[in-house]
Amino acid sequence: ALQDALAHQEELIAYLEKKKKKKKLR
């Protein structure tokens, strides 16, 4: 369960990073 939480956190961070990059492009 802990590993799943970490994997989910990594996915969330990657999602936020993509959002930040999109904002920077604009």
PDB file of N, CA and C in Angstrom:
ATOM      1  N   ALA A   1       0.844  -1.203   0.000  1.00  0.00           N
ATOM      2  CA  ALA A   1       0.000   0.000   0.000  1.00  0.00           C
ATOM      3  C   ALA A   1       0.877   1.251   0.000  1.00  0.00           C
ATOM      4  N   LEU A   2       1.963   1.199   0.763  1.00  0.00           N
ATOM      5  CA  LEU A   2       2.854   2.362   0.825  1.00  0.00           C
ATOM      6  C   LEU A   2       3.447   2.645  -0.558  1.00  0.00           C
ATOM      7  N   GLN A   3       3.870   1.580  -1.247  1.00  0.00           N
ATOM      8  CA  GLN A   3       4.442   1.771  -2.588  1.00  0.00           C
ATOM      9  C   GLN A   3       3.407   2.377  -3.529  1.00  0.00           C
ATOM     10  N   ASP A   4       2.148   1.932  -3.407  1.00  0.00           N
ATOM     11  CA  ASP A   4       1.102   2.488  -4.266  1.00  0.00           C
ATOM     12  C   ASP A   4       0.943   3.982  -3.996  1.00  0.00           C
ATOM     13  N   ALA A   5       1.004   4.360  -2.733  1.00  0.00           N
ATOM     14  CA  ALA A   5       0.864   5.773  -2.378  1.00  0.00           C
ATOM     15  C   ALA A   5       2.009   6.578  -2.984  1.00  0.00           C
ATOM     16  N   LEU A   6       3.220   6.034  -2.921  1.00  0.00           N
ATOM     17  CA  LEU A   6       4.373   6.729  -3.496  1.00  0.00           C
ATOM     18  C   LEU A   6       4.211   6.867  -5.000  1.00  0.00           C
ATOM     19  N   ALA A   7       3.762   5.805  -5.660  1.00  0.00           N
ATOM     20  CA  ALA A   7       3.580   5.847  -7.113  1.00  0.00           C
ATOM     21  C   ALA A   7       2.537   6.900  -7.457  1.00  0.00           C
ATOM     22  N   HIS A   8       1.464   6.955  -6.681  1.00  0.00           N
ATOM     23  CA  HIS A   8       0.408   7.937  -6.929  1.00  0.00           C
ATOM     24  C   HIS A   8       0.959   9.352  -6.735  1.00  0.00           C
ATOM     25  N   GLN A   9       1.792   9.524  -5.710  1.00  0.00           N
ATOM     26  CA  GLN A   9       2.372  10.845  -5.441  1.00  0.00           C
ATOM     27  C   GLN A   9       3.267  11.271  -6.608  1.00  0.00           C
ATOM     28  N   GLU A  10       4.048  10.324  -7.132  1.00  0.00           N
ATOM     29  CA  GLU A  10       4.922  10.648  -8.268  1.00  0.00           C
ATOM     30  C   GLU A  10       4.086  11.063  -9.470  1.00  0.00           C
ATOM     31  N   GLU A  11       2.973  10.353  -9.699  1.00  0.00           N
ATOM     32  CA  GLU A  11       2.106  10.703 -10.833  1.00  0.00           C
ATOM     33  C   GLU A  11       1.520  12.093 -10.629  1.00  0.00           C
ATOM     34  N   LEU A  12       1.130  12.395  -9.394  1.00  0.00           N
ATOM     35  CA  LEU A  12       0.555  13.707  -9.098  1.00  0.00           C
ATOM     36  C   LEU A  12       1.590  14.808  -9.339  1.00  0.00           C
ATOM     37  N   ILE A  13       2.826  14.571  -8.897  1.00  0.00           N
ATOM     38  CA  ILE A  13       3.896  15.557  -9.099  1.00  0.00           C
ATOM     39  C   ILE A  13       4.130  15.768 -10.593  1.00  0.00           C
ATOM     40  N   ALA A  14       4.167  14.679 -11.355  1.00  0.00           N
ATOM     41  CA  ALA A  14       4.394  14.786 -12.800  1.00  0.00           C
ATOM     42  C   ALA A  14       3.261  15.588 -13.434  1.00  0.00           C
ATOM     43  N   TYR A  15       2.030  15.362 -12.964  1.00  0.00           N
ATOM     44  CA  TYR A  15       0.872  16.095 -13.492  1.00  0.00           C
ATOM     45  C   TYR A  15       1.016  17.589 -13.193  1.00  0.00           C
ATOM     46  N   LEU A  16       1.428  17.914 -11.987  1.00  0.00           N
ATOM     47  CA  LEU A  16       1.595  19.320 -11.611  1.00  0.00           C
ATOM     48  C   LEU A  16       2.723  19.949 -12.419  1.00  0.00           C
ATOM     49  N   GLU A  17       3.794  19.201 -12.644  1.00  0.00           N
ATOM     50  CA  GLU A  17       4.920  19.720 -13.431  1.00  0.00           C
ATOM     51  C   GLU A  17       4.450  20.049 -14.844  1.00  0.00           C
ATOM     52  N   LYS A  18       3.624  19.172 -15.427  1.00  0.00           N
ATOM     53  CA  LYS A  18       3.110  19.420 -16.781  1.00  0.00           C
ATOM     54  C   LYS A  18       2.276  20.691 -16.792  1.00  0.00           C
ATOM     55  N   LYS A  19       1.474  20.878 -15.757  1.00  0.00           N
ATOM     56  CA  LYS A  19       0.636  22.082 -15.671  1.00  0.00           C
ATOM     57  C   LYS A  19       1.527  23.320 -15.603  1.00  0.00           C
ATOM     58  N   LYS A  20       2.571  23.261 -14.790  1.00  0.00           N
ATOM     59  CA  LYS A  20       3.480  24.409 -14.651  1.00  0.00           C
ATOM     60  C   LYS A  20       4.136  24.721 -15.992  1.00  0.00           C
ATOM     61  N   LYS A  21       4.563  23.678 -16.715  1.00  0.00           N
ATOM     62  CA  LYS A  21       5.212  23.893 -18.010  1.00  0.00           C
ATOM     63  C   LYS A  21       4.250  24.560 -18.980  1.00  0.00           C
ATOM     64  N   LYS A  22       2.984  24.118 -18.966  1.00  0.00           N
ATOM     65  CA  LYS A  22       1.994  24.715 -19.869  1.00  0.00           C
ATOM     66  C   LYS A  22       1.807  26.186 -19.539  1.00  0.00           C
ATOM     67  N   LYS A  23       1.762  26.509 -18.245  1.00  0.00           N
ATOM     68  CA  LYS A  23       1.589  27.906 -17.839  1.00  0.00           C
ATOM     69  C   LYS A  23       2.797  28.730 -18.290  1.00  0.00           C
ATOM     70  N   LYS A  24       3.981  28.155 -18.172  1.00  0.00           N
ATOM     71  CA  LYS A  24       5.188  28.885 -18.573  1.00  0.00           C
ATOM     72  C   LYS A  24       5.183  29.135 -20.076  1.00  0.00           C
ATOM     73  N   LEU A  25       4.699  28.165 -20.861  1.00  0.00           N
ATOM     74  CA  LEU A  25       4.665  28.325 -22.315  1.00  0.00           C
ATOM     75  C   LEU A  25       3.756  29.499 -22.687  1.00  0.00           C
ATOM     76  N   ARG A  26       2.641  29.644 -21.962  1.00  0.00           N
ATOM     77  CA  ARG A  26       1.743  30.751 -22.244  1.00  0.00           C
ATOM     78  C   ARG A  26       2.421  32.050 -21.819  1.00  0.00           C
TER      79      ARG A  26
END
